[in-house]
Amino acid sequence: MKKAARRPTTPLFEVRHSRVHGHGVFALRRIRRGTNIIEYLGERVSHELADARYADKQPLDGHTFLFTVDGKTVIDAGIDGNEARFVNHGCDPNCQTVQIGKRIFIEAIRTIRPGEELAYDYRIERDADDPADIDEIFRCLCGAKSCRGTMLEGRSKKRALQRAKTSARKRAKQPQRRERP
């Protein structure tokens, strides 16, 4: 008996220009919820080496291909990385990252239609010594209705309330713009 010839399968995705940021990853066919789409690959380095590599980066450039695995290891997809490094951030994502051991995978959290851009919430950690304009540096351009305006993790309600009060006090002290008659 002859075996039936297998049709070549369409790849799951392709990398191309994105309206969100630079390049993006787009579904070429339907991707079912729970599908493990791709592993995030790159050189595995220490946090210290990752920091040193990007120390000379422009202050307003929030663009890197770094992914933290644990307290000792960072994946630098800028070196030996694959297409996973082009999956953009989204505040209403269709993917999530899943860690299995010391490996990171991108998985669909809902069914993704052909042509749809893949995205996961980066939730970049905030640091106590972040500059005041950190949200602008990591500005989000996803365009979702639920967009929080930043790729950084959300602020705690207490911190957000304190910042809002400080901002209101600063605005009250600033001269108001007057329109010409």
Protein backbone atom coordinates (compact mmCIF):
# COMPACT_ATOMS: atom_id res chain seq x y z
CA MET A 1 0.00 0.00 0.00
CA LYS A 2 1.14 3.45 -0.88
CA LYS A 3 1.22 6.15 1.76
CA ALA A 4 -0.68 9.29 0.93
CA ALA A 5 1.59 12.17 0.00
CA ARG A 6 1.63 14.84 2.67
CA ARG A 7 0.83 18.33 1.58
CA PRO A 8 3.48 20.83 2.55
CA THR A 9 2.22 22.72 5.58
CA THR A 10 2.16 26.47 5.65
CA PRO A 11 4.49 27.84 8.31
CA LEU A 12 2.76 29.23 11.40
CA PHE A 13 4.10 32.76 11.02
CA GLU A 14 6.35 35.20 9.20
CA VAL A 15 8.34 38.26 10.24
CA ARG A 16 7.51 41.51 8.45
CA HIS A 17 7.12 45.25 9.07
CA SER A 18 4.77 46.09 11.93
CA ARG A 19 2.71 49.21 12.60
CA VAL A 20 3.40 48.64 16.31
CA HIS A 21 7.20 48.73 16.25
CA GLY A 22 9.81 47.85 13.62
CA HIS A 23 9.31 44.22 12.71
CA GLY A 24 6.57 41.97 14.00
CA VAL A 25 5.51 38.34 13.78
CA PHE A 26 2.29 37.61 11.89
CA ALA A 27 0.23 34.43 11.74
CA LEU A 28 0.15 32.81 8.29
CA ARG A 29 -2.54 30.36 9.31
CA ARG A 30 -4.91 29.78 12.19
CA ILE A 31 -3.06 29.14 15.44
CA ARG A 32 -5.13 27.40 18.09
CA ARG A 33 -5.21 28.44 21.73
CA GLY A 34 -2.53 26.56 23.70
CA THR A 35 -0.21 26.16 20.71
CA ASN A 36 3.45 26.43 21.64
CA ILE A 37 4.48 28.76 18.78
CA ILE A 38 8.21 29.29 19.19
CA GLU A 39 11.03 29.14 21.73
CA TYR A 40 12.80 32.41 22.60
CA LEU A 41 16.40 31.71 21.63
CA GLY A 42 19.66 33.63 21.95
CA GLU A 43 22.93 33.66 23.81
CA ARG A 44 22.54 32.93 27.52
CA VAL A 45 24.51 35.43 29.58
CA SER A 46 24.69 36.81 33.10
CA HIS A 47 22.76 39.92 34.10
CA GLU A 48 26.08 41.74 34.50
CA LEU A 49 27.18 40.92 30.94
CA ALA A 50 23.75 41.90 29.56
CA ASP A 51 23.96 45.24 31.41
CA ALA A 52 27.49 45.82 30.10
CA ARG A 53 26.47 45.08 26.51
CA TYR A 54 23.73 47.69 26.58
CA ALA A 55 25.43 50.26 28.85
CA ASP A 56 26.26 52.57 25.91
CA LYS A 57 22.73 52.50 24.54
CA GLN A 58 20.99 55.84 24.06
CA PRO A 59 18.95 56.76 27.16
CA LEU A 60 15.68 57.05 25.20
CA ASP A 61 16.16 53.72 23.41
CA GLY A 62 14.03 51.11 25.18
CA HIS A 63 14.76 48.54 22.47
CA THR A 64 16.59 45.34 23.44
CA PHE A 65 16.27 41.64 22.78
CA LEU A 66 16.84 40.62 26.40
CA PHE A 67 14.63 38.15 28.26
CA THR A 68 15.22 37.35 31.94
CA VAL A 69 15.17 33.64 32.71
CA ASP A 70 16.09 33.81 36.40
CA GLY A 71 18.34 35.67 38.85
CA LYS A 72 21.47 34.47 37.06
CA THR A 73 20.53 34.14 33.39
CA VAL A 74 19.36 36.44 30.61
CA ILE A 75 18.71 35.41 27.00
CA ASP A 76 20.21 37.95 24.58
CA ALA A 77 18.36 37.27 21.32
CA GLY A 78 20.48 39.97 19.65
CA ILE A 79 23.11 37.23 19.43
CA ASP A 80 22.09 33.87 17.94
CA GLY A 81 18.41 34.76 18.39
CA ASN A 82 15.49 33.65 16.26
CA GLU A 83 12.18 35.13 15.07
CA ALA A 84 10.77 35.14 18.63
CA ARG A 85 12.71 38.36 19.29
CA PHE A 86 10.36 40.18 16.88
CA VAL A 87 7.13 39.37 18.75
CA ASN A 88 5.98 42.81 19.88
CA HIS A 89 4.40 43.91 23.14
CA GLY A 90 0.64 44.24 23.37
CA CYS A 91 -1.60 45.33 26.26
CA ASP A 92 -4.37 43.00 24.97
CA PRO A 93 -2.11 40.11 23.93
CA ASN A 94 -2.93 36.95 22.03
CA CYS A 95 0.15 35.17 23.40
CA GLN A 96 2.00 34.69 26.65
CA THR A 97 5.44 33.51 27.61
CA VAL A 98 5.78 30.17 29.34
CA GLN A 99 8.89 29.05 31.17
CA ILE A 100 9.69 25.35 31.17
CA GLY A 101 12.85 24.77 33.15
CA LYS A 102 15.26 27.39 31.85
CA ARG A 103 13.59 27.63 28.44
CA ILE A 104 11.12 30.34 27.38
CA PHE A 105 8.33 29.66 24.89
CA ILE A 106 5.68 31.86 23.31
CA GLU A 107 2.24 30.27 23.47
CA ALA A 108 -1.13 31.30 22.05
CA ILE A 109 -3.65 32.23 24.78
CA ARG A 110 -6.52 32.39 22.30
CA THR A 111 -7.07 31.34 18.70
CA ILE A 112 -5.12 33.64 16.38
CA ARG A 113 -6.42 34.38 12.88
CA PRO A 114 -4.24 34.44 9.74
CA GLY A 115 -2.70 37.90 9.26
CA GLU A 116 -2.97 38.80 12.95
CA GLU A 117 0.17 40.09 14.65
CA LEU A 118 1.42 38.02 17.59
CA ALA A 119 1.92 39.93 20.84
CA TYR A 120 2.52 39.27 24.50
CA ASP A 121 2.59 41.63 27.47
CA TYR A 122 6.25 42.38 28.18
CA ARG A 123 5.52 43.58 31.75
CA ILE A 124 9.03 44.98 32.04
CA GLU A 125 9.88 45.42 35.71
CA ARG A 126 10.15 48.88 37.18
CA ASP A 127 13.21 49.81 39.24
CA ALA A 128 13.39 52.27 42.11
CA ASP A 129 16.05 54.28 40.23
CA ASP A 130 14.09 54.57 36.96
CA PRO A 131 14.21 58.05 35.42
CA ALA A 132 11.03 60.14 35.60
CA ASP A 133 10.40 59.62 31.86
CA ILE A 134 10.67 55.81 31.99
CA ASP A 135 7.10 55.36 30.76
CA GLU A 136 7.94 57.47 27.69
CA ILE A 137 11.11 55.45 27.04
CA PHE A 138 9.04 52.24 27.11
CA ARG A 139 5.97 53.81 25.46
CA CYS A 140 3.44 51.33 24.12
CA LEU A 141 2.08 51.75 20.60
CA CYS A 142 -0.14 48.66 20.50
CA GLY A 143 -3.34 50.63 19.93
CA ALA A 144 -5.52 48.33 22.07
CA LYS A 145 -8.58 49.83 23.78
CA SER A 146 -7.09 48.63 27.07
CA CYS A 147 -3.61 50.05 26.31
CA ARG A 148 -1.90 51.25 29.49
CA GLY A 149 0.54 53.38 27.45
CA THR A 150 3.69 51.57 28.54
CA MET A 151 5.43 48.22 28.15
CA LEU A 152 6.31 48.39 31.85
CA GLU A 153 4.35 46.47 34.43
CA GLY A 154 1.46 48.41 35.90
CA ARG A 155 2.05 50.71 38.83
CA SER A 156 0.69 49.72 42.21
CA LYS A 157 -2.48 51.67 43.02
CA LYS A 158 -0.77 53.35 45.97
CA ARG A 159 2.18 54.56 43.85
CA ALA A 160 -0.13 55.66 41.03
CA LEU A 161 -2.24 57.68 43.49
CA GLN A 162 0.89 59.33 44.96
CA ARG A 163 2.15 60.24 41.47
CA ALA A 164 -1.26 61.64 40.49
CA LYS A 165 -1.33 63.85 43.60
CA THR A 166 2.22 65.09 42.94
CA SER A 167 1.35 65.77 39.30
CA ALA A 168 -1.78 67.71 40.29
CA ARG A 169 0.24 69.86 42.72
CA LYS A 170 2.82 70.60 40.01
CA ARG A 171 0.11 71.55 37.49
CA ALA A 172 -1.55 73.85 40.04
CA LYS A 173 1.74 75.73 40.51
CA GLN A 174 2.33 76.20 36.78
CA PRO A 175 0.97 79.30 35.06
CA GLN A 176 -2.15 78.66 33.02
CA ARG A 177 -2.06 79.33 29.29
CA ARG A 178 -4.21 82.20 28.19
CA GLU A 179 -5.81 82.40 24.80
CA ARG A 180 -5.66 85.69 22.89
CA PRO A 181 -8.96 87.54 22.52
